Amino acid sequence: MPWIDKISSIGREKQKGFLEYSLRMVRENFLLNNDMKSMNAMLQDENDFSKKFNIFINQNNILEITDEINKAYIHIERNGNPKLIFSDLTLKLSGLLRK
């Protein structure tokens, strides 16, 4: 919950930027998990994180994850309550990452 308080306080444009970045990282980790390393464009810090994270992004959950992040983006764009949006997103993603 402290993370949700922090992300909710940074402003809508930064929240949308975070969600765009999240989509990019989901894409990069999907590529990494499917041995398409030549198509990756990650920085060293991102690559270090992705070594352990990429196993959670696969063909069973990639579409649902991107759909949920896109929905959150639209809700932020339409002035939805960021605490509710990010709480909902966090709960949904935690379930999807286990698929």
PDB file of N, CA and C in Angstrom:
ATOM      1  N   MET A   1       0.792  -1.209   0.000  1.00  0.00           N
ATOM      2  CA  MET A   1       0.000   0.000   0.000  1.00  0.00           C
ATOM      3  C   MET A   1       0.843   1.288   0.000  1.00  0.00           C
ATOM      4  N   PRO A   2       2.023   1.311   0.607  1.00  0.00           N
ATOM      5  CA  PRO A   2       2.827   2.550   0.516  1.00  0.00           C
ATOM      6  C   PRO A   2       3.169   2.906  -0.933  1.00  0.00           C
ATOM      7  N   TRP A   3       3.376   1.895  -1.765  1.00  0.00           N
ATOM      8  CA  TRP A   3       3.661   2.157  -3.166  1.00  0.00           C
ATOM      9  C   TRP A   3       2.476   2.832  -3.848  1.00  0.00           C
ATOM     10  N   ILE A   4       1.266   2.396  -3.527  1.00  0.00           N
ATOM     11  CA  ILE A   4       0.067   2.977  -4.130  1.00  0.00           C
ATOM     12  C   ILE A   4      -0.083   4.429  -3.703  1.00  0.00           C
ATOM     13  N   ASP A   5       0.191   4.736  -2.435  1.00  0.00           N
ATOM     14  CA  ASP A   5       0.152   6.126  -1.976  1.00  0.00           C
ATOM     15  C   ASP A   5       1.164   6.972  -2.726  1.00  0.00           C
ATOM     16  N   LYS A   6       2.340   6.421  -2.956  1.00  0.00           N
ATOM     17  CA  LYS A   6       3.396   7.170  -3.643  1.00  0.00           C
ATOM     18  C   LYS A   6       3.029   7.421  -5.107  1.00  0.00           C
ATOM     19  N   ILE A   7       2.605   6.401  -5.828  1.00  0.00           N
ATOM     20  CA  ILE A   7       2.272   6.555  -7.243  1.00  0.00           C
ATOM     21  C   ILE A   7       1.036   7.426  -7.421  1.00  0.00           C
ATOM     22  N   SER A   8       0.139   7.419  -6.452  1.00  0.00           N
ATOM     23  CA  SER A   8      -1.072   8.233  -6.536  1.00  0.00           C
ATOM     24  C   SER A   8      -0.792   9.715  -6.362  1.00  0.00           C
ATOM     25  N   SER A   9       0.342  10.033  -5.794  1.00  0.00           N
ATOM     26  CA  SER A   9       0.646  11.437  -5.494  1.00  0.00           C
ATOM     27  C   SER A   9       1.540  12.108  -6.535  1.00  0.00           C
ATOM     28  N   ILE A  10       1.952  11.417  -7.578  1.00  0.00           N
ATOM     29  CA  ILE A  10       2.930  12.000  -8.495  1.00  0.00           C
ATOM     30  C   ILE A  10       2.325  12.771  -9.667  1.00  0.00           C
ATOM     31  N   GLY A  11       1.037  12.771  -9.818  1.00  0.00           N
ATOM     32  CA  GLY A  11       0.410  13.498 -10.914  1.00  0.00           C
ATOM     33  C   GLY A  11       0.053  12.591 -12.069  1.00  0.00           C
ATOM     34  N   ARG A  12      -0.975  12.962 -12.778  1.00  0.00           N
ATOM     35  CA  ARG A  12      -1.530  12.104 -13.833  1.00  0.00           C
ATOM     36  C   ARG A  12      -0.560  11.847 -14.988  1.00  0.00           C
ATOM     37  N   GLU A  13       0.167  12.859 -15.423  1.00  0.00           N
ATOM     38  CA  GLU A  13       1.086  12.664 -16.552  1.00  0.00           C
ATOM     39  C   GLU A  13       2.202  11.680 -16.200  1.00  0.00           C
ATOM     40  N   LYS A  14       2.732  11.781 -14.989  1.00  0.00           N
ATOM     41  CA  LYS A  14       3.770  10.838 -14.562  1.00  0.00           C
ATOM     42  C   LYS A  14       3.186   9.442 -14.359  1.00  0.00           C
ATOM     43  N   GLN A  15       1.957   9.362 -13.901  1.00  0.00           N
ATOM     44  CA  GLN A  15       1.300   8.062 -13.759  1.00  0.00           C
ATOM     45  C   GLN A  15       1.126   7.405 -15.123  1.00  0.00           C
ATOM     46  N   LYS A  16       0.698   8.192 -16.104  1.00  0.00           N
ATOM     47  CA  LYS A  16       0.555   7.653 -17.465  1.00  0.00           C
ATOM     48  C   LYS A  16       1.916   7.252 -18.023  1.00  0.00           C
ATOM     49  N   GLY A  17       2.940   8.037 -17.735  1.00  0.00           N
ATOM     50  CA  GLY A  17       4.290   7.676 -18.166  1.00  0.00           C
ATOM     51  C   GLY A  17       4.749   6.373 -17.538  1.00  0.00           C
ATOM     52  N   PHE A  18       4.427   6.185 -16.270  1.00  0.00           N
ATOM     53  CA  PHE A  18       4.773   4.936 -15.587  1.00  0.00           C
ATOM     54  C   PHE A  18       4.071   3.751 -16.243  1.00  0.00           C
ATOM     55  N   LEU A  19       2.810   3.922 -16.594  1.00  0.00           N
ATOM     56  CA  LEU A  19       2.067   2.834 -17.226  1.00  0.00           C
ATOM     57  C   LEU A  19       2.613   2.532 -18.622  1.00  0.00           C
ATOM     58  N   GLU A  20       3.014   3.563 -19.353  1.00  0.00           N
ATOM     59  CA  GLU A  20       3.643   3.344 -20.664  1.00  0.00           C
ATOM     60  C   GLU A  20       4.960   2.586 -20.507  1.00  0.00           C
ATOM     61  N   TYR A  21       5.731   2.969 -19.514  1.00  0.00           N
ATOM     62  CA  TYR A  21       6.993   2.278 -19.234  1.00  0.00           C
ATOM     63  C   TYR A  21       6.720   0.821 -18.846  1.00  0.00           C
ATOM     64  N   SER A  22       5.692   0.605 -18.056  1.00  0.00           N
ATOM     65  CA  SER A  22       5.323  -0.752 -17.650  1.00  0.00           C
ATOM     66  C   SER A  22       4.992  -1.618 -18.861  1.00  0.00           C
ATOM     67  N   LEU A  23       4.252  -1.049 -19.806  1.00  0.00           N
ATOM     68  CA  LEU A  23       3.935  -1.794 -21.029  1.00  0.00           C
ATOM     69  C   LEU A  23       5.196  -2.157 -21.800  1.00  0.00           C
ATOM     70  N   ARG A  24       6.122  -1.205 -21.878  1.00  0.00           N
ATOM     71  CA  ARG A  24       7.376  -1.476 -22.583  1.00  0.00           C
ATOM     72  C   ARG A  24       8.151  -2.590 -21.902  1.00  0.00           C
ATOM     73  N   MET A  25       8.198  -2.564 -20.579  1.00  0.00           N
ATOM     74  CA  MET A  25       8.929  -3.594 -19.848  1.00  0.00           C
ATOM     75  C   MET A  25       8.256  -4.968 -19.969  1.00  0.00           C
ATOM     76  N   VAL A  26       6.946  -4.985 -20.007  1.00  0.00           N
ATOM     77  CA  VAL A  26       6.235  -6.256 -20.218  1.00  0.00           C
ATOM     78  C   VAL A  26       6.613  -6.818 -21.585  1.00  0.00           C
ATOM     79  N   ARG A  27       6.633  -5.960 -22.601  1.00  0.00           N
ATOM     80  CA  ARG A  27       7.020  -6.394 -23.947  1.00  0.00           C
ATOM     81  C   ARG A  27       8.448  -6.933 -23.963  1.00  0.00           C
ATOM     82  N   GLU A  28       9.359  -6.177 -23.367  1.00  0.00           N
ATOM     83  CA  GLU A  28      10.762  -6.587 -23.367  1.00  0.00           C
ATOM     84  C   GLU A  28      10.960  -7.903 -22.632  1.00  0.00           C
ATOM     85  N   ASN A  29      10.254  -8.090 -21.529  1.00  0.00           N
ATOM     86  CA  ASN A  29      10.387  -9.334 -20.771  1.00  0.00           C
ATOM     87  C   ASN A  29       9.750 -10.509 -21.487  1.00  0.00           C
ATOM     88  N   PHE A  30       8.690 -10.253 -22.223  1.00  0.00           N
ATOM     89  CA  PHE A  30       8.090 -11.316 -23.043  1.00  0.00           C
ATOM     90  C   PHE A  30       9.075 -11.763 -24.117  1.00  0.00           C
ATOM     91  N   LEU A  31       9.712 -10.798 -24.773  1.00  0.00           N
ATOM     92  CA  LEU A  31      10.719 -11.133 -25.783  1.00  0.00           C
ATOM     93  C   LEU A  31      11.876 -11.913 -25.174  1.00  0.00           C
ATOM     94  N   LEU A  32      12.324 -11.483 -24.010  1.00  0.00           N
ATOM     95  CA  LEU A  32      13.426 -12.149 -23.330  1.00  0.00           C
ATOM     96  C   LEU A  32      13.048 -13.580 -22.952  1.00  0.00           C
ATOM     97  N   ASN A  33      11.844 -13.761 -22.474  1.00  0.00           N
ATOM     98  CA  ASN A  33      11.369 -15.088 -22.077  1.00  0.00           C
ATOM     99  C   ASN A  33      11.224 -16.013 -23.275  1.00  0.00           C
ATOM    100  N   ASN A  34      11.040 -15.449 -24.463  1.00  0.00           N
ATOM    101  CA  ASN A  34      10.876 -16.250 -25.673  1.00  0.00           C
ATOM    102  C   ASN A  34      12.134 -16.267 -26.530  1.00  0.00           C
ATOM    103  N   ASP A  35      13.276 -16.065 -25.892  1.00  0.00           N
ATOM    104  CA  ASP A  35      14.589 -16.142 -26.549  1.00  0.00           C
ATOM    105  C   ASP A  35      14.711 -15.240 -27.781  1.00  0.00           C
ATOM    106  N   MET A  36      14.158 -14.044 -27.676  1.00  0.00           N
ATOM    107  CA  MET A  36      14.282 -13.049 -28.744  1.00  0.00           C
ATOM    108  C   MET A  36      15.134 -11.888 -28.241  1.00  0.00           C
ATOM    109  N   LYS A  37      16.277 -12.221 -27.682  1.00  0.00           N
ATOM    110  CA  LYS A  37      17.157 -11.222 -27.071  1.00  0.00           C
ATOM    111  C   LYS A  37      17.641 -10.175 -28.061  1.00  0.00           C
ATOM    112  N   SER A  38      17.751 -10.537 -29.310  1.00  0.00           N
ATOM    113  CA  SER A  38      18.244  -9.578 -30.312  1.00  0.00           C
ATOM    114  C   SER A  38      17.261  -8.431 -30.526  1.00  0.00           C
ATOM    115  N   MET A  39      16.005  -8.621 -30.167  1.00  0.00           N
ATOM    116  CA  MET A  39      15.003  -7.575 -30.337  1.00  0.00           C
ATOM    117  C   MET A  39      14.862  -6.699 -29.100  1.00  0.00           C
ATOM    118  N   ASN A  40      15.579  -7.037 -28.031  1.00  0.00           N
ATOM    119  CA  ASN A  40      15.478  -6.289 -26.781  1.00  0.00           C
ATOM    120  C   ASN A  40      16.223  -4.969 -26.851  1.00  0.00           C
ATOM    121  N   ALA A  41      15.671  -3.981 -26.185  1.00  0.00           N
ATOM    122  CA  ALA A  41      16.295  -2.657 -26.100  1.00  0.00           C
ATOM    123  C   ALA A  41      16.197  -2.180 -24.659  1.00  0.00           C
ATOM    124  N   MET A  42      16.937  -2.841 -23.771  1.00  0.00           N
ATOM    125  CA  MET A  42      16.871  -2.493 -22.352  1.00  0.00           C
ATOM    126  C   MET A  42      18.198  -1.927 -21.881  1.00  0.00           C
ATOM    127  N   LEU A  43      18.090  -1.073 -20.872  1.00  0.00           N
ATOM    128  CA  LEU A  43      19.282  -0.561 -20.202  1.00  0.00           C
ATOM    129  C   LEU A  43      19.816  -1.644 -19.274  1.00  0.00           C
ATOM    130  N   GLN A  44      21.018  -1.455 -18.762  1.00  0.00           N
ATOM    131  CA  GLN A  44      21.642  -2.472 -17.908  1.00  0.00           C
ATOM    132  C   GLN A  44      20.816  -2.755 -16.650  1.00  0.00           C
ATOM    133  N   ASP A  45      20.312  -1.701 -15.989  1.00  0.00           N
ATOM    134  CA  ASP A  45      19.494  -1.912 -14.792  1.00  0.00           C
ATOM    135  C   ASP A  45      18.229  -2.706 -15.113  1.00  0.00           C
ATOM    136  N   GLU A  46      17.612  -2.369 -16.243  1.00  0.00           N
ATOM    137  CA  GLU A  46      16.410  -3.082 -16.661  1.00  0.00           C
ATOM    138  C   GLU A  46      16.737  -4.539 -16.981  1.00  0.00           C
ATOM    139  N   ASN A  47      17.859  -4.754 -17.611  1.00  0.00           N
ATOM    140  CA  ASN A  47      18.289  -6.100 -17.961  1.00  0.00           C
ATOM    141  C   ASN A  47      18.559  -6.934 -16.714  1.00  0.00           C
ATOM    142  N   ASP A  48      19.186  -6.316 -15.709  1.00  0.00           N
ATOM    143  CA  ASP A  48      19.452  -7.020 -14.447  1.00  0.00           C
ATOM    144  C   ASP A  48      18.146  -7.456 -13.784  1.00  0.00           C
ATOM    145  N   PHE A  49      17.163  -6.544 -13.744  1.00  0.00           N
ATOM    146  CA  PHE A  49      15.852  -6.858 -13.173  1.00  0.00           C
ATOM    147  C   PHE A  49      15.169  -7.971 -13.971  1.00  0.00           C
ATOM    148  N   SER A  50      15.263  -7.876 -15.289  1.00  0.00           N
ATOM    149  CA  SER A  50      14.548  -8.796 -16.171  1.00  0.00           C
ATOM    150  C   SER A  50      15.079 -10.224 -16.141  1.00  0.00           C
ATOM    151  N   LYS A  51      16.323 -10.400 -15.705  1.00  0.00           N
ATOM    152  CA  LYS A  51      16.879 -11.757 -15.620  1.00  0.00           C
ATOM    153  C   LYS A  51      16.024 -12.656 -14.742  1.00  0.00           C
ATOM    154  N   LYS A  52      15.436 -12.087 -13.700  1.00  0.00           N
ATOM    155  CA  LYS A  52      14.591 -12.869 -12.794  1.00  0.00           C
ATOM    156  C   LYS A  52      13.101 -12.704 -13.107  1.00  0.00           C
ATOM    157  N   PHE A  53      12.729 -11.563 -13.695  1.00  0.00           N
ATOM    158  CA  PHE A  53      11.310 -11.250 -13.891  1.00  0.00           C
ATOM    159  C   PHE A  53      10.727 -11.866 -15.163  1.00  0.00           C
ATOM    160  N   ASN A  54      11.527 -12.055 -16.192  1.00  0.00           N
ATOM    161  CA  ASN A  54      10.985 -12.471 -17.492  1.00  0.00           C
ATOM    162  C   ASN A  54      10.232 -13.790 -17.454  1.00  0.00           C
ATOM    163  N   ILE A  55      10.531 -14.653 -16.509  1.00  0.00           N
ATOM    164  CA  ILE A  55       9.839 -15.947 -16.449  1.00  0.00           C
ATOM    165  C   ILE A  55       8.344 -15.797 -16.123  1.00  0.00           C
ATOM    166  N   PHE A  56       7.965 -14.637 -15.580  1.00  0.00           N
ATOM    167  CA  PHE A  56       6.565 -14.408 -15.219  1.00  0.00           C
ATOM    168  C   PHE A  56       5.724 -13.882 -16.376  1.00  0.00           C
ATOM    169  N   ILE A  57       6.364 -13.472 -17.467  1.00  0.00           N
ATOM    170  CA  ILE A  57       5.645 -12.936 -18.620  1.00  0.00           C
ATOM    171  C   ILE A  57       5.716 -13.973 -19.741  1.00  0.00           C
ATOM    172  N   ASN A  58       4.572 -14.543 -20.070  1.00  0.00           N
ATOM    173  CA  ASN A  58       4.542 -15.607 -21.079  1.00  0.00           C
ATOM    174  C   ASN A  58       3.281 -15.509 -21.926  1.00  0.00           C
ATOM    175  N   GLN A  59       3.134 -16.430 -22.857  1.00  0.00           N
ATOM    176  CA  GLN A  59       1.993 -16.401 -23.768  1.00  0.00           C
ATOM    177  C   GLN A  59       0.670 -16.636 -23.063  1.00  0.00           C
ATOM    178  N   ASN A  60       0.692 -17.159 -21.851  1.00  0.00           N
ATOM    179  CA  ASN A  60      -0.547 -17.392 -21.104  1.00  0.00           C
ATOM    180  C   ASN A  60      -1.104 -16.141 -20.444  1.00  0.00           C
ATOM    181  N   ASN A  61      -0.266 -15.115 -20.272  1.00  0.00           N
ATOM    182  CA  ASN A  61      -0.748 -13.939 -19.550  1.00  0.00           C
ATOM    183  C   ASN A  61      -0.433 -12.598 -20.215  1.00  0.00           C
ATOM    184  N   ILE A  62       0.341 -12.582 -21.278  1.00  0.00           N
ATOM    185  CA  ILE A  62       0.787 -11.330 -21.883  1.00  0.00           C
ATOM    186  C   ILE A  62      -0.379 -10.453 -22.338  1.00  0.00           C
ATOM    187  N   LEU A  63      -1.369 -11.043 -22.978  1.00  0.00           N
ATOM    188  CA  LEU A  63      -2.496 -10.250 -23.471  1.00  0.00           C
ATOM    189  C   LEU A  63      -3.319  -9.657 -22.336  1.00  0.00           C
ATOM    190  N   GLU A  64      -3.555 -10.440 -21.301  1.00  0.00           N
ATOM    191  CA  GLU A  64      -4.337  -9.942 -20.169  1.00  0.00           C
ATOM    192  C   GLU A  64      -3.579  -8.859 -19.400  1.00  0.00           C
ATOM    193  N   ILE A  65      -2.282  -9.034 -19.251  1.00  0.00           N
ATOM    194  CA  ILE A  65      -1.475  -8.032 -18.553  1.00  0.00           C
ATOM    195  C   ILE A  65      -1.497  -6.711 -19.309  1.00  0.00           C
ATOM    196  N   THR A  66      -1.263  -6.771 -20.612  1.00  0.00           N
ATOM    197  CA  THR A  66      -1.266  -5.525 -21.392  1.00  0.00           C
ATOM    198  C   THR A  66      -2.649  -4.888 -21.404  1.00  0.00           C
ATOM    199  N   ASP A  67      -3.678  -5.703 -21.431  1.00  0.00           N
ATOM    200  CA  ASP A  67      -5.048  -5.178 -21.395  1.00  0.00           C
ATOM    201  C   ASP A  67      -5.318  -4.447 -20.081  1.00  0.00           C
ATOM    202  N   GLU A  68      -4.898  -5.021 -18.975  1.00  0.00           N
ATOM    203  CA  GLU A  68      -5.126  -4.389 -17.672  1.00  0.00           C
ATOM    204  C   GLU A  68      -4.345  -3.075 -17.528  1.00  0.00           C
ATOM    205  N   ILE A  69      -3.122  -3.053 -18.018  1.00  0.00           N
ATOM    206  CA  ILE A  69      -2.330  -1.820 -17.949  1.00  0.00           C
ATOM    207  C   ILE A  69      -2.950  -0.750 -18.847  1.00  0.00           C
ATOM    208  N   ASN A  70      -3.416  -1.146 -20.025  1.00  0.00           N
ATOM    209  CA  ASN A  70      -4.082  -0.199 -20.920  1.00  0.00           C
ATOM    210  C   ASN A  70      -5.369   0.354 -20.311  1.00  0.00           C
ATOM    211  N   LYS A  71      -6.136  -0.504 -19.644  1.00  0.00           N
ATOM    212  CA  LYS A  71      -7.355  -0.039 -18.968  1.00  0.00           C
ATOM    213  C   LYS A  71      -7.016   0.977 -17.879  1.00  0.00           C
ATOM    214  N   ALA A  72      -5.979   0.687 -17.111  1.00  0.00           N
ATOM    215  CA  ALA A  72      -5.566   1.616 -16.056  1.00  0.00           C
ATOM    216  C   ALA A  72      -5.159   2.961 -16.669  1.00  0.00           C
ATOM    217  N   TYR A  73      -4.453   2.930 -17.782  1.00  0.00           N
ATOM    218  CA  TYR A  73      -4.046   4.156 -18.474  1.00  0.00           C
ATOM    219  C   TYR A  73      -5.269   4.979 -18.877  1.00  0.00           C
ATOM    220  N   ILE A  74      -6.253   4.324 -19.459  1.00  0.00           N
ATOM    221  CA  ILE A  74      -7.473   5.011 -19.881  1.00  0.00           C
ATOM    222  C   ILE A  74      -8.200   5.606 -18.684  1.00  0.00           C
ATOM    223  N   HIS A  75      -8.259   4.864 -17.590  1.00  0.00           N
ATOM    224  CA  HIS A  75      -8.943   5.368 -16.396  1.00  0.00           C
ATOM    225  C   HIS A  75      -8.207   6.558 -15.792  1.00  0.00           C
ATOM    226  N   ILE A  76      -6.892   6.527 -15.800  1.00  0.00           N
ATOM    227  CA  ILE A  76      -6.114   7.678 -15.315  1.00  0.00           C
ATOM    228  C   ILE A  76      -6.365   8.876 -16.229  1.00  0.00           C
ATOM    229  N   GLU A  77      -6.368   8.619 -17.521  1.00  0.00           N
ATOM    230  CA  GLU A  77      -6.589   9.683 -18.506  1.00  0.00           C
ATOM    231  C   GLU A  77      -7.965  10.324 -18.339  1.00  0.00           C
ATOM    232  N   ARG A  78      -8.920   9.552 -17.892  1.00  0.00           N
ATOM    233  CA  ARG A  78     -10.293  10.047 -17.701  1.00  0.00           C
ATOM    234  C   ARG A  78     -10.534  10.538 -16.274  1.00  0.00           C
ATOM    235  N   ASN A  79      -9.456  10.830 -15.572  1.00  0.00           N
ATOM    236  CA  ASN A  79      -9.507  11.406 -14.223  1.00  0.00           C
ATOM    237  C   ASN A  79     -10.122  10.491 -13.174  1.00  0.00           C
ATOM    238  N   GLY A  80      -9.883   9.191 -13.302  1.00  0.00           N
ATOM    239  CA  GLY A  80     -10.319   8.260 -12.273  1.00  0.00           C
ATOM    240  C   GLY A  80      -9.467   8.419 -11.019  1.00  0.00           C
ATOM    241  N   ASN A  81      -9.935   7.865  -9.934  1.00  0.00           N
ATOM    242  CA  ASN A  81      -9.215   7.937  -8.665  1.00  0.00           C
ATOM    243  C   ASN A  81      -7.969   7.054  -8.746  1.00  0.00           C
ATOM    244  N   PRO A  82      -6.770   7.661  -8.710  1.00  0.00           N
ATOM    245  CA  PRO A  82      -5.550   6.863  -8.884  1.00  0.00           C
ATOM    246  C   PRO A  82      -5.334   5.795  -7.814  1.00  0.00           C
ATOM    247  N   LYS A  83      -5.770   6.052  -6.596  1.00  0.00           N
ATOM    248  CA  LYS A  83      -5.601   5.027  -5.550  1.00  0.00           C
ATOM    249  C   LYS A  83      -6.420   3.782  -5.885  1.00  0.00           C
ATOM    250  N   LEU A  84      -7.639   3.989  -6.344  1.00  0.00           N
ATOM    251  CA  LEU A  84      -8.475   2.846  -6.714  1.00  0.00           C
ATOM    252  C   LEU A  84      -7.937   2.143  -7.958  1.00  0.00           C
ATOM    253  N   ILE A  85      -7.507   2.925  -8.937  1.00  0.00           N
ATOM    254  CA  ILE A  85      -7.011   2.353 -10.191  1.00  0.00           C
ATOM    255  C   ILE A  85      -5.762   1.515  -9.950  1.00  0.00           C
ATOM    256  N   PHE A  86      -4.802   2.063  -9.209  1.00  0.00           N
ATOM    257  CA  PHE A  86      -3.555   1.323  -8.979  1.00  0.00           C
ATOM    258  C   PHE A  86      -3.739   0.170  -7.998  1.00  0.00           C
ATOM    259  N   SER A  87      -4.680   0.303  -7.065  1.00  0.00           N
ATOM    260  CA  SER A  87      -4.982  -0.834  -6.179  1.00  0.00           C
ATOM    261  C   SER A  87      -5.561  -1.980  -6.983  1.00  0.00           C
ATOM    262  N   ASP A  88      -6.509  -1.667  -7.845  1.00  0.00           N
ATOM    263  CA  ASP A  88      -7.127  -2.683  -8.696  1.00  0.00           C
ATOM    264  C   ASP A  88      -6.093  -3.316  -9.625  1.00  0.00           C
ATOM    265  N   LEU A  89      -5.272  -2.476 -10.242  1.00  0.00           N
ATOM    266  CA  LEU A  89      -4.242  -2.979 -11.149  1.00  0.00           C
ATOM    267  C   LEU A  89      -3.272  -3.904 -10.424  1.00  0.00           C
ATOM    268  N   THR A  90      -2.851  -3.525  -9.244  1.00  0.00           N
ATOM    269  CA  THR A  90      -1.914  -4.338  -8.468  1.00  0.00           C
ATOM    270  C   THR A  90      -2.498  -5.715  -8.158  1.00  0.00           C
ATOM    271  N   LEU A  91      -3.740  -5.740  -7.737  1.00  0.00           N
ATOM    272  CA  LEU A  91      -4.384  -7.022  -7.423  1.00  0.00           C
ATOM    273  C   LEU A  91      -4.529  -7.900  -8.661  1.00  0.00           C
ATOM    274  N   LYS A  92      -4.944  -7.296  -9.765  1.00  0.00           N
ATOM    275  CA  LYS A  92      -5.121  -8.075 -10.994  1.00  0.00           C
ATOM    276  C   LYS A  92      -3.794  -8.600 -11.522  1.00  0.00           C
ATOM    277  N   LEU A  93      -2.766  -7.754 -11.509  1.00  0.00           N
ATOM    278  CA  LEU A  93      -1.464  -8.189 -12.015  1.00  0.00           C
ATOM    279  C   LEU A  93      -0.852  -9.272 -11.151  1.00  0.00           C
ATOM    280  N   SER A  94      -1.062  -9.190  -9.841  1.00  0.00           N
ATOM    281  CA  SER A  94      -0.484 -10.223  -8.978  1.00  0.00           C
ATOM    282  C   SER A  94      -1.071 -11.593  -9.304  1.00  0.00           C
ATOM    283  N   GLY A  95      -2.341 -11.629  -9.669  1.00  0.00           N
ATOM    284  CA  GLY A  95      -2.953 -12.894 -10.084  1.00  0.00           C
ATOM    285  C   GLY A  95      -2.478 -13.340 -11.458  1.00  0.00           C
ATOM    286  N   LEU A  96      -2.364 -12.393 -12.372  1.00  0.00           N
ATOM    287  CA  LEU A  96      -1.947 -12.730 -13.746  1.00  0.00           C
ATOM    288  C   LEU A  96      -0.500 -13.190 -13.820  1.00  0.00           C
ATOM    289  N   LEU A  97       0.352 -12.656 -12.981  1.00  0.00           N
ATOM    290  CA  LEU A  97       1.765 -13.042 -13.005  1.00  0.00           C
ATOM    291  C   LEU A  97       1.976 -14.468 -12.518  1.00  0.00           C
ATOM    292  N   ARG A  98       0.992 -15.011 -11.857  1.00  0.00           N
ATOM    293  CA  ARG A  98       1.088 -16.402 -11.376  1.00  0.00           C
ATOM    294  C   ARG A  98       0.658 -17.414 -12.432  1.00  0.00           C
ATOM    295  N   LYS A  99       0.078 -16.942 -13.547  1.00  0.00           N
ATOM    296  CA  LYS A  99      -0.386 -17.845 -14.607  1.00  0.00           C
ATOM    297  C   LYS A  99       0.769 -18.520 -15.301  1.00  0.00           C
TER     298      LYS A  99
END
